[in-house]
């Protein structure tokens, strides 16, 4: 493994950092909003599925008495 001096390492980090393309504020806002919307929808979906199966299990347990 090749050794890199601290100065060379800093230079490489600066070079790579200049290549980074950061999202605009609008893109960040839209992406964040989509994450909140999709998380909410998935939460509601799984809540409905859980409630559905809860009722099925409750009905089966009543039959077993």
PDB file of N, CA and C in Angstrom:
ATOM      1  N   UNK A   1       0.843  -1.168   0.000  1.00  0.00           N
ATOM      2  CA  UNK A   1       0.000   0.000   0.000  1.00  0.00           C
ATOM      3  C   UNK A   1       0.891   1.235   0.000  1.00  0.00           C
ATOM      4  N   UNK A   2       0.608   2.162  -0.903  1.00  0.00           N
ATOM      5  CA  UNK A   2       1.417   3.373  -1.025  1.00  0.00           C
ATOM      6  C   UNK A   2       1.103   4.337   0.115  1.00  0.00           C
ATOM      7  N   UNK A   3       2.133   4.951   0.628  1.00  0.00           N
ATOM      8  CA  UNK A   3       1.958   5.933   1.699  1.00  0.00           C
ATOM      9  C   UNK A   3       1.735   7.302   1.073  1.00  0.00           C
ATOM     10  N   UNK A   4       0.817   8.069   1.657  1.00  0.00           N
ATOM     11  CA  UNK A   4       0.528   9.420   1.193  1.00  0.00           C
ATOM     12  C   UNK A   4       0.825  10.379   2.329  1.00  0.00           C
ATOM     13  N   UNK A   5       1.525  11.449   2.005  1.00  0.00           N
ATOM     14  CA  UNK A   5       1.837  12.436   3.042  1.00  0.00           C
ATOM     15  C   UNK A   5       0.563  13.203   3.400  1.00  0.00           C
ATOM     16  N   UNK A   6       0.519  13.758   4.607  1.00  0.00           N
ATOM     17  CA  UNK A   6      -0.663  14.528   5.003  1.00  0.00           C
ATOM     18  C   UNK A   6      -0.972  15.686   4.048  1.00  0.00           C
ATOM     19  N   UNK A   7       0.052  16.352   3.555  1.00  0.00           N
ATOM     20  CA  UNK A   7      -0.153  17.452   2.607  1.00  0.00           C
ATOM     21  C   UNK A   7      -0.780  16.971   1.308  1.00  0.00           C
ATOM     22  N   UNK A   8      -0.297  15.841   0.789  1.00  0.00           N
ATOM     23  CA  UNK A   8      -0.843  15.266  -0.442  1.00  0.00           C
ATOM     24  C   UNK A   8      -2.287  14.806  -0.223  1.00  0.00           C
ATOM     25  N   UNK A   9      -2.535  14.254   0.951  1.00  0.00           N
ATOM     26  CA  UNK A   9      -3.892  13.813   1.268  1.00  0.00           C
ATOM     27  C   UNK A   9      -4.868  14.995   1.255  1.00  0.00           C
ATOM     28  N   UNK A  10      -4.482  16.095   1.885  1.00  0.00           N
ATOM     29  CA  UNK A  10      -5.333  17.296   1.919  1.00  0.00           C
ATOM     30  C   UNK A  10      -5.580  17.805   0.504  1.00  0.00           C
ATOM     31  N   UNK A  11      -4.558  17.776  -0.311  1.00  0.00           N
ATOM     32  CA  UNK A  11      -4.682  18.233  -1.699  1.00  0.00           C
ATOM     33  C   UNK A  11      -5.669  17.341  -2.467  1.00  0.00           C
ATOM     34  N   UNK A  12      -5.581  16.031  -2.262  1.00  0.00           N
ATOM     35  CA  UNK A  12      -6.497  15.109  -2.926  1.00  0.00           C
ATOM     36  C   UNK A  12      -7.937  15.311  -2.455  1.00  0.00           C
ATOM     37  N   UNK A  13      -8.096  15.551  -1.162  1.00  0.00           N
ATOM     38  CA  UNK A  13      -9.439  15.788  -0.622  1.00  0.00           C
ATOM     39  C   UNK A  13     -10.032  17.058  -1.232  1.00  0.00           C
ATOM     40  N   UNK A  14      -9.252  18.114  -1.332  1.00  0.00           N
ATOM     41  CA  UNK A  14      -9.732  19.365  -1.923  1.00  0.00           C
ATOM     42  C   UNK A  14     -10.110  19.170  -3.391  1.00  0.00           C
ATOM     43  N   UNK A  15      -9.309  18.405  -4.117  1.00  0.00           N
ATOM     44  CA  UNK A  15      -9.603  18.132  -5.528  1.00  0.00           C
ATOM     45  C   UNK A  15     -10.908  17.367  -5.671  1.00  0.00           C
ATOM     46  N   UNK A  16     -11.103  16.355  -4.848  1.00  0.00           N
ATOM     47  CA  UNK A  16     -12.333  15.566  -4.916  1.00  0.00           C
ATOM     48  C   UNK A  16     -13.553  16.374  -4.473  1.00  0.00           C
ATOM     49  N   UNK A  17     -13.375  17.240  -3.480  1.00  0.00           N
ATOM     50  CA  UNK A  17     -14.482  18.058  -2.993  1.00  0.00           C
ATOM     51  C   UNK A  17     -14.971  19.022  -4.074  1.00  0.00           C
ATOM     52  N   UNK A  18     -14.080  19.487  -4.917  1.00  0.00           N
ATOM     53  CA  UNK A  18     -14.472  20.393  -6.006  1.00  0.00           C
ATOM     54  C   UNK A  18     -15.337  19.689  -7.047  1.00  0.00           C
ATOM     55  N   UNK A  19     -15.293  18.355  -7.104  1.00  0.00           N
ATOM     56  CA  UNK A  19     -16.079  17.593  -8.072  1.00  0.00           C
ATOM     57  C   UNK A  19     -17.514  17.348  -7.596  1.00  0.00           C
ATOM     58  N   UNK A  20     -17.788  17.589  -6.317  1.00  0.00           N
ATOM     59  CA  UNK A  20     -19.106  17.317  -5.743  1.00  0.00           C
ATOM     60  C   UNK A  20     -20.120  18.313  -6.301  1.00  0.00           C
ATOM     61  N   UNK A  21     -21.269  17.793  -6.727  1.00  0.00           N
ATOM     62  CA  UNK A  21     -22.359  18.648  -7.190  1.00  0.00           C
ATOM     63  C   UNK A  21     -23.434  18.608  -6.115  1.00  0.00           C
ATOM     64  N   UNK A  22     -23.624  19.726  -5.443  1.00  0.00           N
ATOM     65  CA  UNK A  22     -24.594  19.803  -4.365  1.00  0.00           C
ATOM     66  C   UNK A  22     -25.969  20.124  -4.930  1.00  0.00           C
ATOM     67  N   UNK A  23     -27.037  19.541  -4.357  1.00  0.00           N
ATOM     68  CA  UNK A  23     -28.388  19.848  -4.844  1.00  0.00           C
ATOM     69  C   UNK A  23     -28.774  21.279  -4.470  1.00  0.00           C
ATOM     70  N   UNK A  24     -29.671  21.839  -5.281  1.00  0.00           N
ATOM     71  CA  UNK A  24     -30.152  23.184  -4.973  1.00  0.00           C
ATOM     72  C   UNK A  24     -31.100  23.120  -3.780  1.00  0.00           C
ATOM     73  N   UNK A  25     -31.442  24.301  -3.243  1.00  0.00           N
ATOM     74  CA  UNK A  25     -32.364  24.351  -2.111  1.00  0.00           C
ATOM     75  C   UNK A  25     -33.723  23.788  -2.520  1.00  0.00           C
ATOM     76  N   UNK A  26     -34.181  24.064  -3.744  1.00  0.00           N
ATOM     77  CA  UNK A  26     -35.473  23.561  -4.215  1.00  0.00           C
ATOM     78  C   UNK A  26     -35.461  22.031  -4.315  1.00  0.00           C
ATOM     79  N   UNK A  27     -34.387  21.470  -4.829  1.00  0.00           N
ATOM     80  CA  UNK A  27     -34.281  20.007  -4.923  1.00  0.00           C
ATOM     81  C   UNK A  27     -34.271  19.366  -3.534  1.00  0.00           C
ATOM     82  N   UNK A  28     -33.573  19.985  -2.595  1.00  0.00           N
ATOM     83  CA  UNK A  28     -33.519  19.470  -1.234  1.00  0.00           C
ATOM     84  C   UNK A  28     -34.904  19.523  -0.598  1.00  0.00           C
ATOM     85  N   UNK A  29     -35.614  20.631  -0.781  1.00  0.00           N
ATOM     86  CA  UNK A  29     -36.954  20.802  -0.235  1.00  0.00           C
ATOM     87  C   UNK A  29     -37.918  19.769  -0.822  1.00  0.00           C
ATOM     88  N   UNK A  30     -37.886  19.583  -2.145  1.00  0.00           N
ATOM     89  CA  UNK A  30     -38.777  18.631  -2.806  1.00  0.00           C
ATOM     90  C   UNK A  30     -38.490  17.201  -2.353  1.00  0.00           C
ATOM     91  N   UNK A  31     -37.241  16.861  -2.262  1.00  0.00           N
ATOM     92  CA  UNK A  31     -36.870  15.511  -1.826  1.00  0.00           C
ATOM     93  C   UNK A  31     -37.308  15.272  -0.387  1.00  0.00           C
ATOM     94  N   UNK A  32     -37.086  16.232   0.474  1.00  0.00           N
ATOM     95  CA  UNK A  32     -37.512  16.106   1.863  1.00  0.00           C
ATOM     96  C   UNK A  32     -39.018  15.966   1.987  1.00  0.00           C
ATOM     97  N   UNK A  33     -39.753  16.736   1.202  1.00  0.00           N
ATOM     98  CA  UNK A  33     -41.215  16.646   1.217  1.00  0.00           C
ATOM     99  C   UNK A  33     -41.682  15.279   0.741  1.00  0.00           C
ATOM    100  N   UNK A  34     -41.059  14.756  -0.296  1.00  0.00           N
ATOM    101  CA  UNK A  34     -41.429  13.430  -0.794  1.00  0.00           C
ATOM    102  C   UNK A  34     -41.152  12.348   0.244  1.00  0.00           C
ATOM    103  N   UNK A  35     -40.075  12.482   0.983  1.00  0.00           N
ATOM    104  CA  UNK A  35     -39.758  11.516   2.041  1.00  0.00           C
ATOM    105  C   UNK A  35     -40.848  11.540   3.108  1.00  0.00           C
ATOM    106  N   UNK A  36     -41.283  12.737   3.506  1.00  0.00           N
ATOM    107  CA  UNK A  36     -42.330  12.853   4.522  1.00  0.00           C
ATOM    108  C   UNK A  36     -43.644  12.268   4.011  1.00  0.00           C
ATOM    109  N   UNK A  37     -44.011  12.578   2.756  1.00  0.00           N
ATOM    110  CA  UNK A  37     -45.261  12.078   2.182  1.00  0.00           C
ATOM    111  C   UNK A  37     -45.234  10.554   2.075  1.00  0.00           C
ATOM    112  N   UNK A  38     -44.168  10.001   1.533  1.00  0.00           N
ATOM    113  CA  UNK A  38     -44.092   8.548   1.354  1.00  0.00           C
ATOM    114  C   UNK A  38     -44.041   7.820   2.701  1.00  0.00           C
ATOM    115  N   UNK A  39     -43.353   8.380   3.664  1.00  0.00           N
ATOM    116  CA  UNK A  39     -43.296   7.765   4.984  1.00  0.00           C
ATOM    117  C   UNK A  39     -44.679   7.752   5.630  1.00  0.00           C
ATOM    118  N   UNK A  40     -45.415   8.844   5.472  1.00  0.00           N
ATOM    119  CA  UNK A  40     -46.770   8.913   6.009  1.00  0.00           C
ATOM    120  C   UNK A  40     -47.677   7.895   5.331  1.00  0.00           C
ATOM    121  N   UNK A  41     -47.608   7.820   3.999  1.00  0.00           N
ATOM    122  CA  UNK A  41     -48.441   6.860   3.270  1.00  0.00           C
ATOM    123  C   UNK A  41     -48.118   5.422   3.661  1.00  0.00           C
ATOM    124  N   UNK A  42     -46.849   5.104   3.761  1.00  0.00           N
ATOM    125  CA  UNK A  42     -46.466   3.752   4.158  1.00  0.00           C
ATOM    126  C   UNK A  42     -46.892   3.449   5.594  1.00  0.00           C
ATOM    127  N   UNK A  43     -46.794   4.434   6.473  1.00  0.00           N
ATOM    128  CA  UNK A  43     -47.244   4.246   7.844  1.00  0.00           C
ATOM    129  C   UNK A  43     -48.737   3.955   7.909  1.00  0.00           C
ATOM    130  N   UNK A  44     -49.522   4.700   7.135  1.00  0.00           N
ATOM    131  CA  UNK A  44     -50.968   4.454   7.094  1.00  0.00           C
ATOM    132  C   UNK A  44     -51.287   3.091   6.497  1.00  0.00           C
ATOM    133  N   UNK A  45     -50.563   2.731   5.454  1.00  0.00           N
ATOM    134  CA  UNK A  45     -50.770   1.429   4.815  1.00  0.00           C
ATOM    135  C   UNK A  45     -50.516   0.289   5.800  1.00  0.00           C
ATOM    136  N   UNK A  46     -49.371   0.338   6.479  1.00  0.00           N
ATOM    137  CA  UNK A  46     -49.041  -0.732   7.410  1.00  0.00           C
ATOM    138  C   UNK A  46     -49.957  -0.722   8.637  1.00  0.00           C
ATOM    139  N   UNK A  47     -50.432   0.453   9.039  1.00  0.00           N
ATOM    140  CA  UNK A  47     -51.404   0.525  10.121  1.00  0.00           C
ATOM    141  C   UNK A  47     -52.690  -0.190   9.709  1.00  0.00           C
ATOM    142  N   UNK A  48     -53.151   0.040   8.481  1.00  0.00           N
ATOM    143  CA  UNK A  48     -54.377  -0.597   7.988  1.00  0.00           C
ATOM    144  C   UNK A  48     -54.208  -2.109   7.899  1.00  0.00           C
ATOM    145  N   UNK A  49     -53.081  -2.555   7.382  1.00  0.00           N
ATOM    146  CA  UNK A  49     -52.820  -3.999   7.280  1.00  0.00           C
ATOM    147  C   UNK A  49     -52.777  -4.622   8.673  1.00  0.00           C
ATOM    148  N   UNK A  50     -52.120  -3.960   9.606  1.00  0.00           N
ATOM    149  CA  UNK A  50     -52.026  -4.474  10.972  1.00  0.00           C
ATOM    150  C   UNK A  50     -53.410  -4.541  11.617  1.00  0.00           C
ATOM    151  N   UNK A  51     -54.223  -3.509  11.426  1.00  0.00           N
ATOM    152  CA  UNK A  51     -55.572  -3.508  11.998  1.00  0.00           C
ATOM    153  C   UNK A  51     -56.413  -4.626  11.385  1.00  0.00           C
ATOM    154  N   UNK A  52     -56.255  -4.851  10.088  1.00  0.00           N
ATOM    155  CA  UNK A  52     -56.989  -5.913   9.401  1.00  0.00           C
ATOM    156  C   UNK A  52     -56.654  -7.285   9.992  1.00  0.00           C
ATOM    157  N   UNK A  53     -55.372  -7.565  10.123  1.00  0.00           N
ATOM    158  CA  UNK A  53     -54.958  -8.853  10.673  1.00  0.00           C
ATOM    159  C   UNK A  53     -55.297  -8.974  12.156  1.00  0.00           C
ATOM    160  N   UNK A  54     -55.297  -7.859  12.871  1.00  0.00           N
ATOM    161  CA  UNK A  54     -55.699  -7.879  14.280  1.00  0.00           C
ATOM    162  C   UNK A  54     -57.149  -8.338  14.409  1.00  0.00           C
ATOM    163  N   UNK A  55     -57.999  -7.839  13.536  1.00  0.00           N
ATOM    164  CA  UNK A  55     -59.406  -8.251  13.585  1.00  0.00           C
ATOM    165  C   UNK A  55     -59.580  -9.723  13.208  1.00  0.00           C
ATOM    166  N   UNK A  56     -58.805 -10.171  12.244  1.00  0.00           N
ATOM    167  CA  UNK A  56     -58.886 -11.589  11.862  1.00  0.00           C
ATOM    168  C   UNK A  56     -58.472 -12.478  13.033  1.00  0.00           C
ATOM    169  N   UNK A  57     -57.366 -12.132  13.684  1.00  0.00           N
ATOM    170  CA  UNK A  57     -56.890 -12.935  14.817  1.00  0.00           C
ATOM    171  C   UNK A  57     -57.905 -12.871  15.964  1.00  0.00           C
ATOM    172  N   UNK A  58     -58.466 -11.706  16.221  1.00  0.00           N
ATOM    173  CA  UNK A  58     -59.464 -11.582  17.291  1.00  0.00           C
ATOM    174  C   UNK A  58     -60.691 -12.450  16.983  1.00  0.00           C
ATOM    175  N   UNK A  59     -61.131 -12.474  15.727  1.00  0.00           N
ATOM    176  CA  UNK A  59     -62.271 -13.291  15.342  1.00  0.00           C
ATOM    177  C   UNK A  59     -61.936 -14.777  15.503  1.00  0.00           C
ATOM    178  N   UNK A  60     -60.753 -15.183  15.123  1.00  0.00           N
ATOM    179  CA  UNK A  60     -60.347 -16.569  15.269  1.00  0.00           C
ATOM    180  C   UNK A  60     -60.244 -16.990  16.732  1.00  0.00           C
ATOM    181  N   UNK A  61     -59.776 -16.074  17.571  1.00  0.00           N
ATOM    182  CA  UNK A  61     -59.682 -16.394  18.991  1.00  0.00           C
ATOM    183  C   UNK A  61     -61.069 -16.519  19.620  1.00  0.00           C
ATOM    184  N   UNK A  62     -62.026 -15.729  19.138  1.00  0.00           N
ATOM    185  CA  UNK A  62     -63.394 -15.861  19.640  1.00  0.00           C
ATOM    186  C   UNK A  62     -63.992 -17.211  19.227  1.00  0.00           C
ATOM    187  N   UNK A  63     -63.662 -17.676  18.042  1.00  0.00           N
ATOM    188  CA  UNK A  63     -64.155 -18.971  17.590  1.00  0.00           C
ATOM    189  C   UNK A  63     -63.547 -20.113  18.401  1.00  0.00           C
ATOM    190  N   UNK A  64     -62.344 -19.915  18.895  1.00  0.00           N
ATOM    191  CA  UNK A  64     -61.647 -20.967  19.616  1.00  0.00           C
ATOM    192  C   UNK A  64     -62.141 -21.148  21.041  1.00  0.00           C
ATOM    193  N   UNK A  65     -62.925 -20.201  21.547  1.00  0.00           N
ATOM    194  CA  UNK A  65     -63.397 -20.302  22.944  1.00  0.00           C
ATOM    195  C   UNK A  65     -64.372 -21.417  23.113  1.00  0.00           C
TER     196      UNK A  65
END
